[in-house]
Protein backbone atom coordinates (compact mmCIF):
# COMPACT_ATOMS: atom_id res chain seq x y z
CA MET A 1 15.34 20.36 18.04
CA SER A 2 14.72 20.04 14.34
CA ALA A 3 11.87 22.08 12.98
CA GLN A 4 11.47 19.49 10.26
CA ALA A 5 11.01 16.12 11.89
CA ASP A 6 12.33 15.66 15.39
CA GLN A 7 8.85 16.55 16.57
CA HIS A 8 7.80 17.07 20.16
CA ILE A 9 7.16 13.69 21.81
CA PRO A 10 3.81 14.07 23.59
CA ASP A 11 3.76 13.67 27.36
CA GLY A 12 3.08 10.08 28.36
CA ILE A 13 4.36 8.51 25.14
CA VAL A 14 6.67 5.64 26.06
CA ILE A 15 10.19 5.52 24.66
CA ASP A 16 12.64 2.69 25.18
CA GLU A 17 16.26 2.98 26.30
CA ASN A 18 17.25 3.83 22.73
CA GLY A 19 14.70 6.63 22.40
CA ILE A 20 12.37 4.62 20.17
CA THR A 21 8.61 5.16 20.52
CA PRO A 22 6.14 2.30 19.87
CA GLU A 23 5.04 3.72 16.52
CA ILE A 24 8.64 4.01 15.31
CA ARG A 25 8.98 0.29 16.01
CA TYR A 26 6.51 -0.31 13.16
CA ILE A 27 8.77 1.67 10.82
CA ILE A 28 11.83 -0.35 11.81
CA ASP A 29 9.93 -3.55 11.09
CA LEU A 30 9.18 -2.37 7.52
CA VAL A 31 12.87 -2.05 6.59
CA GLU A 32 14.57 -5.12 5.14
CA GLU A 33 17.93 -6.33 6.44
CA GLY A 34 21.00 -4.69 4.94
CA SER A 35 19.08 -1.93 3.17
CA GLN A 36 20.41 1.50 2.30
CA VAL A 37 18.25 4.07 4.09
CA LEU A 38 17.90 7.86 3.99
CA ASP A 39 16.03 9.40 6.94
CA LEU A 40 14.68 12.88 6.23
CA GLY A 41 14.53 15.16 9.25
CA CYS A 42 16.45 12.57 11.26
CA GLY A 43 16.53 14.65 14.45
CA SER A 44 18.78 13.15 17.11
CA GLY A 45 19.32 10.01 15.06
CA ASN A 46 17.53 7.45 17.22
CA LEU A 47 15.84 5.80 14.25
CA LEU A 48 19.06 5.76 12.22
CA LYS A 49 20.96 4.17 15.09
CA ALA A 50 18.27 1.53 15.61
CA LEU A 51 18.24 0.66 11.90
CA GLN A 52 22.00 0.22 11.94
CA ALA A 53 21.95 -1.95 15.06
CA GLU A 54 18.87 -4.04 14.34
CA LYS A 55 18.74 -4.23 10.55
CA GLY A 56 22.37 -3.77 9.55
CA ALA A 57 21.22 -0.83 7.46
CA ARG A 58 23.56 1.53 5.68
CA ALA A 59 21.83 4.56 7.13
CA GLN A 60 22.26 8.26 6.57
CA GLY A 61 20.13 11.26 7.39
CA ILE A 62 19.34 14.89 6.70
CA ASP A 63 18.35 17.53 9.23
CA LEU A 64 18.14 21.30 9.39
CA ALA A 65 19.06 21.83 13.05
CA GLU A 66 22.75 22.17 13.86
CA GLU A 67 22.29 20.70 17.34
CA CYS A 68 20.74 17.56 15.84
CA ILE A 69 23.65 17.21 13.43
CA HIS A 70 26.10 17.37 16.34
CA ILE A 71 24.15 14.75 18.31
CA CYS A 72 24.06 12.42 15.32
CA VAL A 73 27.77 12.82 14.66
CA SER A 74 28.49 12.04 18.32
CA LYS A 75 26.65 8.75 17.78
CA GLY A 76 28.80 7.91 14.78
CA LEU A 77 26.05 8.60 12.26
CA PHE A 78 26.49 10.05 8.78
CA VAL A 79 24.16 13.04 8.52
CA TYR A 80 23.86 15.93 6.08
CA HIS A 81 22.81 19.45 6.97
CA GLY A 82 20.00 20.48 4.66
CA ASP A 83 16.64 22.15 4.22
CA LEU A 84 14.13 19.59 2.95
CA ASP A 85 12.05 22.30 1.28
CA GLU A 86 14.98 22.67 -1.12
CA GLY A 87 14.76 19.06 -2.26
CA LEU A 88 17.28 16.22 -2.52
CA ALA A 89 19.49 17.40 -5.38
CA ASP A 90 22.60 15.77 -3.88
CA PHE A 91 21.11 12.28 -4.29
CA ASN A 92 20.91 10.27 -7.52
CA ASP A 93 17.81 8.59 -8.87
CA LYS A 94 16.93 5.33 -7.05
CA SER A 95 20.14 5.59 -5.03
CA VAL A 96 18.66 4.24 -1.77
CA ASP A 97 16.34 1.37 -0.90
CA TYR A 98 14.16 3.37 1.52
CA VAL A 99 13.57 7.06 2.01
CA ILE A 100 11.92 7.64 5.38
CA SER A 101 9.93 10.67 6.46
CA THR A 102 8.51 10.59 9.99
CA ASN A 103 6.28 13.50 11.05
CA THR A 104 7.93 15.68 8.43
CA LEU A 105 5.71 16.37 5.42
CA GLN A 106 3.16 18.42 7.32
CA VAL A 107 5.76 20.86 8.67
CA LEU A 108 7.20 21.73 5.24
CA HIS A 109 6.15 24.59 3.00
CA HIS A 110 6.10 22.36 -0.09
CA PRO A 111 5.36 18.77 0.98
CA GLN A 112 4.37 17.61 -2.51
CA ASN A 113 7.75 18.71 -3.87
CA LEU A 114 9.58 16.69 -1.24
CA LEU A 115 7.36 13.66 -1.86
CA ARG A 116 8.22 13.90 -5.55
CA GLU A 117 11.93 14.03 -4.68
CA MET A 118 11.57 11.06 -2.33
CA ALA A 119 9.98 9.07 -5.16
CA ARG A 120 12.91 9.95 -7.41
CA VAL A 121 15.62 9.00 -4.92
CA GLY A 122 14.08 5.99 -3.17
CA LYS A 123 12.98 2.57 -4.37
CA LYS A 124 10.44 2.55 -1.55
CA LEU A 125 9.18 5.26 0.78
CA ILE A 126 8.10 5.06 4.41
CA ILE A 127 6.02 8.04 5.46
CA SER A 128 4.25 8.77 8.72
CA VAL A 129 1.82 11.60 9.40
CA PRO A 130 -0.55 12.64 12.20
CA ASN A 131 -4.17 12.13 11.18
CA PHE A 132 -6.14 15.37 11.47
CA GLY A 133 -9.29 13.40 10.67
CA HIS A 134 -9.26 11.71 14.08
CA TRP A 135 -12.57 11.90 15.95
CA SER A 136 -11.13 14.01 18.78
CA VAL A 137 -9.97 16.66 16.32
CA ARG A 138 -13.37 16.73 14.64
CA ALA A 139 -15.15 16.93 17.99
CA GLN A 140 -13.14 19.90 19.23
CA LEU A 141 -13.80 21.83 16.03
CA PHE A 142 -17.51 20.93 15.99
CA ILE A 143 -18.36 21.26 19.68
CA LEU A 144 -15.92 23.89 20.93
CA GLY A 145 -15.33 25.79 17.70
CA ARG A 146 -11.62 25.98 18.47
CA MET A 147 -8.51 24.68 16.77
CA PRO A 148 -7.94 21.22 18.25
CA LYS A 149 -5.19 20.08 20.60
CA THR A 150 -4.48 16.42 21.25
CA ALA A 151 -1.67 14.30 22.70
CA ARG A 152 -0.41 13.85 19.14
CA ILE A 153 -0.97 17.50 18.18
CA PRO A 154 -0.25 19.41 21.42
CA TYR A 155 0.19 22.88 19.94
CA GLU A 156 -1.71 26.13 19.95
CA TRP A 157 -2.72 27.34 16.50
CA TYR A 158 -0.18 30.17 16.63
CA ASP A 159 2.90 28.09 17.54
CA SER A 160 2.25 24.83 15.74
CA PRO A 161 5.01 23.59 13.40
CA ASN A 162 2.32 21.87 11.33
CA ILE A 163 1.73 23.96 8.23
CA HIS A 164 -0.25 21.50 6.09
CA HIS A 165 -2.80 19.41 7.95
CA THR A 166 -3.67 16.07 6.36
CA THR A 167 -5.88 13.06 7.01
CA ILE A 168 -5.42 9.43 6.06
CA LYS A 169 -7.89 9.87 3.20
CA ASP A 170 -6.11 13.00 1.99
CA PHE A 171 -2.76 11.23 1.92
CA ARG A 172 -4.21 8.30 -0.02
CA ASP A 173 -5.59 10.76 -2.57
CA LEU A 174 -2.20 12.47 -2.91
CA CYS A 175 -0.50 9.12 -3.54
CA ARG A 176 -3.00 8.33 -6.30
CA LYS A 177 -2.50 11.77 -7.83
CA MET A 178 1.29 11.29 -7.82
CA ASP A 179 1.12 7.71 -9.12
CA LEU A 180 2.51 6.26 -5.90
CA LYS A 181 1.37 2.77 -4.92
CA ILE A 182 0.55 2.22 -1.23
CA LEU A 183 1.94 -1.22 -0.37
CA ARG A 184 1.01 -1.11 3.31
CA GLU A 185 -0.99 1.24 5.47
CA ILE A 186 -0.64 1.09 9.26
CA PRO A 187 -3.20 3.26 11.07
CA LEU A 188 -2.46 3.58 14.78
CA ARG A 189 -4.18 4.79 17.91
CA THR A 190 -1.76 6.13 20.48
CA GLY A 191 -2.89 6.57 24.07
CA ASP A 192 -1.96 9.00 26.81
CA ASP A 193 -0.50 6.02 28.68
CA GLY A 194 2.03 5.41 25.89
CA SER A 195 0.09 2.55 24.31
CA CYS A 196 0.09 2.11 20.55
CA LYS A 197 -2.49 -0.10 18.87
CA ARG A 198 -3.24 -0.80 15.25
CA VAL A 199 -6.67 0.36 14.06
CA ARG A 200 -8.58 -2.17 11.95
CA PHE A 201 -11.90 -0.34 11.54
CA LEU A 202 -12.64 3.19 10.28
CA PRO A 203 -8.99 4.30 10.39
CA ASN A 204 -9.64 7.85 9.20
CA LEU A 205 -11.93 8.34 12.19
CA LEU A 206 -10.27 6.22 14.88
CA ALA A 207 -6.52 6.44 14.17
CA ASP A 208 -4.55 9.49 15.24
CA TYR A 209 -1.39 8.51 13.37
CA ALA A 210 -0.62 6.55 10.21
CA ILE A 211 2.41 4.96 8.58
CA PHE A 212 2.54 4.23 4.85
CA LEU A 213 4.89 2.02 2.85
CA VAL A 214 4.83 3.43 -0.66
CA GLU A 215 6.36 2.35 -3.96
CA PRO A 216 6.95 4.86 -6.75
CA SER A 217 5.91 3.94 -10.27
CA MET A 218 8.57 3.12 -12.86
CA GLU A 219 8.12 6.61 -14.35
CA ASN A 220 8.98 8.38 -11.08
């Protein structure tokens, strides 16, 4: 499994016959028909395959894990082997319509560097992150005094792949700092039963996961 993005799917989260979770369905819906897409940390390629089949996308991916590359190739997908902490030097400026990063930024050593590279390569960015500002995370820290574990973040502190914890508010601030315009923000609450509902009120407190559609400025 990729250490970069093919994250552990929490127990109880529903996936369809194509391996697509409910929250990934929101990402697919953001992509326009016939777009050129680059999926960073593409894992086993389920999102890439769905974008090809449902949106007619010209899709390609990058992943660090050799086993994920082999799985993607077996599905007929075009995938590069690469370390996202090293950037996207093989891709030209504004060479793709969408650069997608699902559950990836927080596991990298230099997430801001990758975000800067995404803004260079992509005309639009789709980024999803777990929200460490969720009420259950806050409650475990406040009441128990222990590093939190949730269905979305099911790791012990010593074996978690998440290096940089972020919240919805933190990510908004980073976008402003980097002159990235948030076109859409989709805060979600995912349940142990596999449900996935959009949060309309107090997202930084009540959503455990968020998806952002971002547009780089002309200078990026």
